[in-house]
Amino acid sequence: MSALRFPWETVPAPEAPDPGPNPPTPALRPRGRRPALPASPDPAGWVPCALTVRGSAGGGSAGTDPVDALAAFVAAAQGPGITPWQEDEARLEEDAFHRALAVPAARRGLSVEACRLLARQYRDAVGAHRARAAAWGQTAAGRQACPLDLHALMPVPGAVLARGAADPASLAWCREHWGVVQIRRVALSRSADGVTYRFWGLGGTALRVAGLARLWPTLLFLPAAGGAS
């Protein structure tokens, strides 16, 4: 819903439609090269990242086969790619209302009552969008839409979710546990000895994998910036 614009704002040049939380994986480059990193969703703040996951050189422990553990990790990493942040919709409406009033009356062309109505419409649109996203995430297609869902692997605690995505404490939690605050456009490639996820990250340059390593001790997690494996 960040694309909402008020009537007096300059209309930008048309943009390519967003393919959703996770578009189809790009075609492989010729001659066995790694798949191209998906196009950046936004040049401001997003950086290319990668995560390679392999079986541990030390082999499995307690009867765990690293090959089986890798397959289990790939399955567990799938999800809708949507973190269920809880936003204060009343605050969203109030912020939109004051944003509208901040524009000089001669420029905005809207009365105070019209600004209030516009803010309420914005709130309703945001709520409807979130409801649709939550419902879609529960479908079979939604649960497998994103190959690397950080919230599925390392869930955000409910108390943090309740603060909303933009709260400083929420951002701090994501940076501490994920290394980034959000990822998009995930592409998965497989090799003989593991898998590699390539994606765009916001708020960091590489994933933090200490938590994953504790949960999956028979696997090696190799994060990288710049989309390199």
C-alpha atoms as a PDB file:
ATOM      1  CA  MET A   1       0.000   0.000   0.000  1.00  0.00           C
ATOM      2  CA  SER A   2       3.007   2.329  -0.018  1.00  0.00           C
ATOM      3  CA  ALA A   3       2.200   3.037  -3.675  1.00  0.00           C
ATOM      4  CA  LEU A   4      -0.883   5.085  -2.678  1.00  0.00           C
ATOM      5  CA  ARG A   5      -0.601   8.674  -3.883  1.00  0.00           C
ATOM      6  CA  PHE A   6      -2.659  11.698  -3.065  1.00  0.00           C
ATOM      7  CA  PRO A   7      -4.388  13.553  -5.931  1.00  0.00           C
ATOM      8  CA  TRP A   8      -2.010  16.505  -5.850  1.00  0.00           C
ATOM      9  CA  GLU A   9       1.172  14.436  -6.063  1.00  0.00           C
ATOM     10  CA  THR A  10       3.043  14.096  -9.328  1.00  0.00           C
ATOM     11  CA  VAL A  11       2.243  10.852 -11.088  1.00  0.00           C
ATOM     12  CA  PRO A  12       5.487   8.916 -11.707  1.00  0.00           C
ATOM     13  CA  ALA A  13       6.424   7.080 -14.852  1.00  0.00           C
ATOM     14  CA  PRO A  14       4.671   3.700 -15.174  1.00  0.00           C
ATOM     15  CA  GLU A  15       6.453   0.838 -13.443  1.00  0.00           C
ATOM     16  CA  ALA A  16       6.536  -2.836 -14.299  1.00  0.00           C
ATOM     17  CA  PRO A  17       3.914  -4.739 -12.276  1.00  0.00           C
ATOM     18  CA  ASP A  18       5.132  -6.407  -9.088  1.00  0.00           C
ATOM     19  CA  PRO A  19       5.003 -10.169  -9.664  1.00  0.00           C
ATOM     20  CA  GLY A  20       4.144 -10.847  -6.010  1.00  0.00           C
ATOM     21  CA  PRO A  21       6.101 -12.134  -3.001  1.00  0.00           C
ATOM     22  CA  ASN A  22       8.112 -14.517  -5.127  1.00  0.00           C
ATOM     23  CA  PRO A  23       8.044 -14.498  -8.967  1.00  0.00           C
ATOM     24  CA  PRO A  24       9.001 -17.522 -11.076  1.00  0.00           C
ATOM     25  CA  THR A  25      12.661 -18.461 -10.832  1.00  0.00           C
ATOM     26  CA  PRO A  26      14.648 -16.839 -13.700  1.00  0.00           C
ATOM     27  CA  ALA A  27      15.976 -19.070 -16.441  1.00  0.00           C
ATOM     28  CA  LEU A  28      19.469 -20.462 -15.996  1.00  0.00           C
ATOM     29  CA  ARG A  29      22.326 -18.877 -17.864  1.00  0.00           C
ATOM     30  CA  PRO A  30      23.875 -20.986 -20.632  1.00  0.00           C
ATOM     31  CA  ARG A  31      26.766 -23.435 -20.119  1.00  0.00           C
ATOM     32  CA  GLY A  32      25.908 -24.313 -16.539  1.00  0.00           C
ATOM     33  CA  ARG A  33      26.448 -20.893 -14.985  1.00  0.00           C
ATOM     34  CA  ARG A  34      24.566 -19.980 -11.822  1.00  0.00           C
ATOM     35  CA  PRO A  35      21.104 -18.428 -12.275  1.00  0.00           C
ATOM     36  CA  ALA A  36      21.025 -14.688 -12.686  1.00  0.00           C
ATOM     37  CA  LEU A  37      20.031 -12.726  -9.603  1.00  0.00           C
ATOM     38  CA  PRO A  38      16.407 -11.532  -9.967  1.00  0.00           C
ATOM     39  CA  ALA A  39      15.964  -7.869 -10.807  1.00  0.00           C
ATOM     40  CA  SER A  40      16.103  -5.508  -7.842  1.00  0.00           C
ATOM     41  CA  PRO A  41      12.631  -4.619  -6.488  1.00  0.00           C
ATOM     42  CA  ASP A  42      13.850  -1.132  -5.630  1.00  0.00           C
ATOM     43  CA  PRO A  43      17.323   0.359  -6.160  1.00  0.00           C
ATOM     44  CA  ALA A  44      17.141   2.321  -2.880  1.00  0.00           C
ATOM     45  CA  GLY A  45      18.436   0.319   0.072  1.00  0.00           C
ATOM     46  CA  TRP A  46      18.195  -3.179  -1.418  1.00  0.00           C
ATOM     47  CA  VAL A  47      21.401  -5.173  -1.859  1.00  0.00           C
ATOM     48  CA  PRO A  48      22.022  -8.556  -3.522  1.00  0.00           C
ATOM     49  CA  CYS A  49      22.624 -11.407  -1.073  1.00  0.00           C
ATOM     50  CA  ALA A  50      23.029 -15.168  -1.143  1.00  0.00           C
ATOM     51  CA  LEU A  51      22.876 -18.122   1.206  1.00  0.00           C
ATOM     52  CA  THR A  52      24.418 -21.491   0.329  1.00  0.00           C
ATOM     53  CA  VAL A  53      23.432 -24.541   2.393  1.00  0.00           C
ATOM     54  CA  ARG A  54      25.418 -27.781   2.269  1.00  0.00           C
ATOM     55  CA  GLY A  55      25.802 -30.987   4.205  1.00  0.00           C
ATOM     56  CA  SER A  56      28.398 -30.747   6.964  1.00  0.00           C
ATOM     57  CA  ALA A  57      31.806 -32.145   6.103  1.00  0.00           C
ATOM     58  CA  GLY A  58      31.751 -33.968   9.431  1.00  0.00           C
ATOM     59  CA  GLY A  59      28.708 -35.984   8.417  1.00  0.00           C
ATOM     60  CA  GLY A  60      25.571 -36.536  10.398  1.00  0.00           C
ATOM     61  CA  SER A  61      25.259 -37.045  14.124  1.00  0.00           C
ATOM     62  CA  ALA A  62      22.807 -39.057  16.178  1.00  0.00           C
ATOM     63  CA  GLY A  63      21.803 -40.972  13.073  1.00  0.00           C
ATOM     64  CA  THR A  64      20.955 -37.863  11.046  1.00  0.00           C
ATOM     65  CA  ASP A  65      21.899 -38.011   7.364  1.00  0.00           C
ATOM     66  CA  PRO A  66      23.055 -34.581   6.052  1.00  0.00           C
ATOM     67  CA  VAL A  67      21.321 -35.299   2.735  1.00  0.00           C
ATOM     68  CA  ASP A  68      18.040 -35.890   4.514  1.00  0.00           C
ATOM     69  CA  ALA A  69      18.656 -32.841   6.700  1.00  0.00           C
ATOM     70  CA  LEU A  70      19.196 -30.679   3.605  1.00  0.00           C
ATOM     71  CA  ALA A  71      15.961 -31.900   2.062  1.00  0.00           C
ATOM     72  CA  ALA A  72      14.154 -31.209   5.331  1.00  0.00           C
ATOM     73  CA  PHE A  73      15.626 -27.705   5.475  1.00  0.00           C
ATOM     74  CA  VAL A  74      14.552 -26.891   1.910  1.00  0.00           C
ATOM     75  CA  ALA A  75      11.016 -27.978   2.781  1.00  0.00           C
ATOM     76  CA  ALA A  76      10.990 -26.042   6.061  1.00  0.00           C
ATOM     77  CA  ALA A  77      12.309 -22.887   4.374  1.00  0.00           C
ATOM     78  CA  GLN A  78       9.286 -22.630   2.089  1.00  0.00           C
ATOM     79  CA  GLY A  79       6.499 -20.243   2.999  1.00  0.00           C
ATOM     80  CA  PRO A  80       4.422 -17.327   1.753  1.00  0.00           C
ATOM     81  CA  GLY A  81       7.255 -14.855   2.346  1.00  0.00           C
ATOM     82  CA  ILE A  82       4.952 -12.600   4.381  1.00  0.00           C
ATOM     83  CA  THR A  83       5.731 -11.594   7.953  1.00  0.00           C
ATOM     84  CA  PRO A  84       2.413 -11.055   9.804  1.00  0.00           C
ATOM     85  CA  TRP A  85       3.198  -7.704  11.361  1.00  0.00           C
ATOM     86  CA  GLN A  86       0.359  -6.140  13.353  1.00  0.00           C
ATOM     87  CA  GLU A  87      -0.094  -2.502  12.403  1.00  0.00           C
ATOM     88  CA  ASP A  88      -2.115   0.174  14.179  1.00  0.00           C
ATOM     89  CA  GLU A  89      -4.676   0.972  11.485  1.00  0.00           C
ATOM     90  CA  ALA A  90      -6.062   3.943  13.422  1.00  0.00           C
ATOM     91  CA  ARG A  91      -2.582   5.456  13.475  1.00  0.00           C
ATOM     92  CA  LEU A  92      -2.181   4.809   9.751  1.00  0.00           C
ATOM     93  CA  GLU A  93      -5.407   6.711   9.124  1.00  0.00           C
ATOM     94  CA  GLU A  94      -4.374   9.596  11.344  1.00  0.00           C
ATOM     95  CA  ASP A  95      -0.940   9.836   9.731  1.00  0.00           C
ATOM     96  CA  ALA A  96      -2.514   9.879   6.256  1.00  0.00           C
ATOM     97  CA  PHE A  97      -4.933  12.593   7.349  1.00  0.00           C
ATOM     98  CA  HIS A  98      -2.200  14.858   8.698  1.00  0.00           C
ATOM     99  CA  ARG A  99      -0.077  14.197   5.624  1.00  0.00           C
ATOM    100  CA  ALA A 100      -2.946  15.437   3.492  1.00  0.00           C
ATOM    101  CA  LEU A 101      -3.507  18.522   5.648  1.00  0.00           C
ATOM    102  CA  ALA A 102       0.191  19.388   5.470  1.00  0.00           C
ATOM    103  CA  VAL A 103      -0.260  20.241   1.788  1.00  0.00           C
ATOM    104  CA  PRO A 104      -1.397  23.846   1.191  1.00  0.00           C
ATOM    105  CA  ALA A 105      -5.149  23.980   0.560  1.00  0.00           C
ATOM    106  CA  ALA A 106      -4.736  25.672  -2.828  1.00  0.00           C
ATOM    107  CA  ARG A 107      -2.545  22.818  -4.003  1.00  0.00           C
ATOM    108  CA  ARG A 108      -4.343  19.821  -2.576  1.00  0.00           C
ATOM    109  CA  GLY A 109      -7.792  20.820  -3.827  1.00  0.00           C
ATOM    110  CA  LEU A 110      -9.497  18.898  -1.019  1.00  0.00           C
ATOM    111  CA  SER A 111     -11.476  20.090   1.971  1.00  0.00           C
ATOM    112  CA  VAL A 112     -10.688  18.931   5.492  1.00  0.00           C
ATOM    113  CA  GLU A 113     -13.654  16.564   5.302  1.00  0.00           C
ATOM    114  CA  ALA A 114     -12.389  15.137   2.008  1.00  0.00           C
ATOM    115  CA  CYS A 115      -8.932  14.618   3.504  1.00  0.00           C
ATOM    116  CA  ARG A 116     -10.490  12.684   6.369  1.00  0.00           C
ATOM    117  CA  LEU A 117     -12.446  10.527   3.906  1.00  0.00           C
ATOM    118  CA  LEU A 118      -9.317   9.889   1.866  1.00  0.00           C
ATOM    119  CA  ALA A 119      -7.438   8.824   4.996  1.00  0.00           C
ATOM    120  CA  ARG A 120     -10.242   6.423   5.930  1.00  0.00           C
ATOM    121  CA  GLN A 121     -10.200   4.956   2.412  1.00  0.00           C
ATOM    122  CA  TYR A 122      -6.455   4.462   2.748  1.00  0.00           C
ATOM    123  CA  ARG A 123      -6.922   2.645   6.056  1.00  0.00           C
ATOM    124  CA  ASP A 124      -9.624   0.405   4.568  1.00  0.00           C
ATOM    125  CA  ALA A 125      -7.463  -0.390   1.537  1.00  0.00           C
ATOM    126  CA  VAL A 126      -4.505  -1.337   3.736  1.00  0.00           C
ATOM    127  CA  GLY A 127      -6.683  -3.562   5.895  1.00  0.00           C
ATOM    128  CA  ALA A 128      -8.224  -5.290   2.877  1.00  0.00           C
ATOM    129  CA  HIS A 129      -4.794  -5.863   1.345  1.00  0.00           C
ATOM    130  CA  ARG A 130      -3.482  -7.462   4.534  1.00  0.00           C
ATOM    131  CA  ALA A 131      -6.548  -9.669   4.852  1.00  0.00           C
ATOM    132  CA  ARG A 132      -6.132 -10.915   1.283  1.00  0.00           C
ATOM    133  CA  ALA A 133      -2.423 -11.562   1.838  1.00  0.00           C
ATOM    134  CA  ALA A 134      -3.112 -13.508   5.050  1.00  0.00           C
ATOM    135  CA  ALA A 135      -5.771 -15.634   3.345  1.00  0.00           C
ATOM    136  CA  TRP A 136      -3.528 -16.305   0.348  1.00  0.00           C
ATOM    137  CA  GLY A 137      -0.678 -17.342   2.660  1.00  0.00           C
ATOM    138  CA  GLN A 138      -2.847 -20.157   4.021  1.00  0.00           C
ATOM    139  CA  THR A 139      -3.472 -21.684   0.596  1.00  0.00           C
ATOM    140  CA  ALA A 140      -1.350 -24.497  -0.837  1.00  0.00           C
ATOM    141  CA  ALA A 141       0.165 -22.128  -3.396  1.00  0.00           C
ATOM    142  CA  GLY A 142       0.828 -19.463  -0.782  1.00  0.00           C
ATOM    143  CA  ARG A 143       2.592 -21.830   1.612  1.00  0.00           C
ATOM    144  CA  GLN A 144       5.083 -22.739  -1.141  1.00  0.00           C
ATOM    145  CA  ALA A 145       5.367 -19.368  -2.874  1.00  0.00           C
ATOM    146  CA  CYS A 146       8.734 -18.288  -1.432  1.00  0.00           C
ATOM    147  CA  PRO A 147      11.704 -20.720  -1.277  1.00  0.00           C
ATOM    148  CA  LEU A 148      13.238 -18.828   1.670  1.00  0.00           C
ATOM    149  CA  ASP A 149      10.759 -17.513   4.228  1.00  0.00           C
ATOM    150  CA  LEU A 150      12.712 -16.081   7.167  1.00  0.00           C
ATOM    151  CA  HIS A 151       9.653 -15.907   9.403  1.00  0.00           C
ATOM    152  CA  ALA A 152       9.013 -19.620   8.759  1.00  0.00           C
ATOM    153  CA  LEU A 153      12.597 -20.514   9.714  1.00  0.00           C
ATOM    154  CA  MET A 154      13.140 -18.025  12.554  1.00  0.00           C
ATOM    155  CA  PRO A 155       9.712 -16.709  13.593  1.00  0.00           C
ATOM    156  CA  VAL A 156       9.346 -13.191  14.924  1.00  0.00           C
ATOM    157  CA  PRO A 157       7.967 -13.370  18.514  1.00  0.00           C
ATOM    158  CA  GLY A 158       4.372 -12.263  18.951  1.00  0.00           C
ATOM    159  CA  ALA A 159       5.356  -9.359  21.202  1.00  0.00           C
ATOM    160  CA  VAL A 160       7.605  -8.019  18.446  1.00  0.00           C
ATOM    161  CA  LEU A 161       5.005  -8.583  15.711  1.00  0.00           C
ATOM    162  CA  ALA A 162       2.566  -6.516  17.754  1.00  0.00           C
ATOM    163  CA  ARG A 163       4.865  -3.487  17.497  1.00  0.00           C
ATOM    164  CA  GLY A 164       4.573  -3.318  13.703  1.00  0.00           C
ATOM    165  CA  ALA A 165       7.166  -3.508  10.961  1.00  0.00           C
ATOM    166  CA  ALA A 166       8.472   0.052  11.335  1.00  0.00           C
ATOM    167  CA  ASP A 167       8.954   0.057  15.103  1.00  0.00           C
ATOM    168  CA  PRO A 168      12.633   0.477  16.118  1.00  0.00           C
ATOM    169  CA  ALA A 169      12.436  -2.614  18.345  1.00  0.00           C
ATOM    170  CA  SER A 170      11.080  -4.664  15.433  1.00  0.00           C
ATOM    171  CA  LEU A 171      13.842  -3.497  13.118  1.00  0.00           C
ATOM    172  CA  ALA A 172      16.448  -4.239  15.793  1.00  0.00           C
ATOM    173  CA  TRP A 173      15.082  -7.774  16.285  1.00  0.00           C
ATOM    174  CA  CYS A 174      15.220  -8.491  12.549  1.00  0.00           C
ATOM    175  CA  ARG A 175      18.774  -7.215  12.221  1.00  0.00           C
ATOM    176  CA  GLU A 176      19.903  -9.203  15.256  1.00  0.00           C
ATOM    177  CA  HIS A 177      18.293 -12.508  14.289  1.00  0.00           C
ATOM    178  CA  TRP A 178      17.972 -12.316  10.489  1.00  0.00           C
ATOM    179  CA  GLY A 179      20.720  -9.856   9.569  1.00  0.00           C
ATOM    180  CA  VAL A 180      18.236  -8.006   7.335  1.00  0.00           C
ATOM    181  CA  VAL A 181      14.782  -6.539   7.897  1.00  0.00           C
ATOM    182  CA  GLN A 182      13.223  -7.950   4.728  1.00  0.00           C
ATOM    183  CA  ILE A 183      14.085 -10.051   1.668  1.00  0.00           C
ATOM    184  CA  ARG A 184      12.437 -10.237  -1.741  1.00  0.00           C
ATOM    185  CA  ARG A 185      12.737 -11.896  -5.144  1.00  0.00           C
ATOM    186  CA  VAL A 186      14.186 -15.184  -3.915  1.00  0.00           C
ATOM    187  CA  ALA A 187      15.670 -17.588  -6.481  1.00  0.00           C
ATOM    188  CA  LEU A 188      16.694 -21.141  -5.582  1.00  0.00           C
ATOM    189  CA  SER A 189      19.324 -23.172  -7.433  1.00  0.00           C
ATOM    190  CA  ARG A 190      20.572 -26.668  -6.669  1.00  0.00           C
ATOM    191  CA  SER A 191      23.978 -28.269  -7.104  1.00  0.00           C
ATOM    192  CA  ALA A 192      25.471 -31.680  -6.394  1.00  0.00           C
ATOM    193  CA  ASP A 193      26.486 -30.691  -2.854  1.00  0.00           C
ATOM    194  CA  GLY A 194      23.812 -28.245  -1.755  1.00  0.00           C
ATOM    195  CA  VAL A 195      21.435 -25.425  -2.570  1.00  0.00           C
ATOM    196  CA  THR A 196      21.882 -21.679  -3.010  1.00  0.00           C
ATOM    197  CA  TYR A 197      19.305 -18.973  -2.380  1.00  0.00           C
ATOM    198  CA  ARG A 198      19.810 -15.637  -4.128  1.00  0.00           C
ATOM    199  CA  PHE A 199      17.692 -12.657  -3.169  1.00  0.00           C
ATOM    200  CA  TRP A 200      17.585  -8.959  -2.435  1.00  0.00           C
ATOM    201  CA  GLY A 201      17.937  -7.878   1.194  1.00  0.00           C
ATOM    202  CA  LEU A 202      16.946  -4.657   2.941  1.00  0.00           C
ATOM    203  CA  GLY A 203      18.639  -3.381   6.081  1.00  0.00           C
ATOM    204  CA  GLY A 204      21.723  -5.583   5.892  1.00  0.00           C
ATOM    205  CA  THR A 205      24.251  -7.185   3.551  1.00  0.00           C
ATOM    206  CA  ALA A 206      24.059 -10.860   4.594  1.00  0.00           C
ATOM    207  CA  LEU A 207      21.935 -13.198   6.688  1.00  0.00           C
ATOM    208  CA  ARG A 208      22.860 -14.137  10.249  1.00  0.00           C
ATOM    209  CA  VAL A 209      23.008 -17.913  10.336  1.00  0.00           C
ATOM    210  CA  ALA A 210      23.933 -18.698  13.949  1.00  0.00           C
ATOM    211  CA  GLY A 211      20.334 -19.542  14.795  1.00  0.00           C
ATOM    212  CA  LEU A 212      19.958 -21.760  11.727  1.00  0.00           C
ATOM    213  CA  ALA A 213      23.209 -23.558  12.531  1.00  0.00           C
ATOM    214  CA  ARG A 214      21.920 -24.411  16.000  1.00  0.00           C
ATOM    215  CA  LEU A 215      18.670 -25.788  14.593  1.00  0.00           C
ATOM    216  CA  TRP A 216      20.359 -27.708  11.756  1.00  0.00           C
ATOM    217  CA  PRO A 217      23.743 -28.877  13.161  1.00  0.00           C
ATOM    218  CA  THR A 218      24.440 -31.294  10.268  1.00  0.00           C
ATOM    219  CA  LEU A 219      24.314 -28.463   7.698  1.00  0.00           C
ATOM    220  CA  LEU A 220      26.735 -25.705   6.731  1.00  0.00           C
ATOM    221  CA  PHE A 221      25.294 -22.227   6.164  1.00  0.00           C
ATOM    222  CA  LEU A 222      27.415 -19.911   4.019  1.00  0.00           C
ATOM    223  CA  PRO A 223      25.951 -16.397   3.728  1.00  0.00           C
ATOM    224  CA  ALA A 224      27.351 -13.898   1.270  1.00  0.00           C
ATOM    225  CA  ALA A 225      26.749 -10.368   0.042  1.00  0.00           C
ATOM    226  CA  GLY A 226      26.694  -9.370  -3.578  1.00  0.00           C
ATOM    227  CA  GLY A 227      24.815 -12.483  -4.655  1.00  0.00           C
ATOM    228  CA  ALA A 228      27.957 -14.610  -4.614  1.00  0.00           C
ATOM    229  CA  SER A 229      27.886 -18.194  -3.407  1.00  0.00           C
END
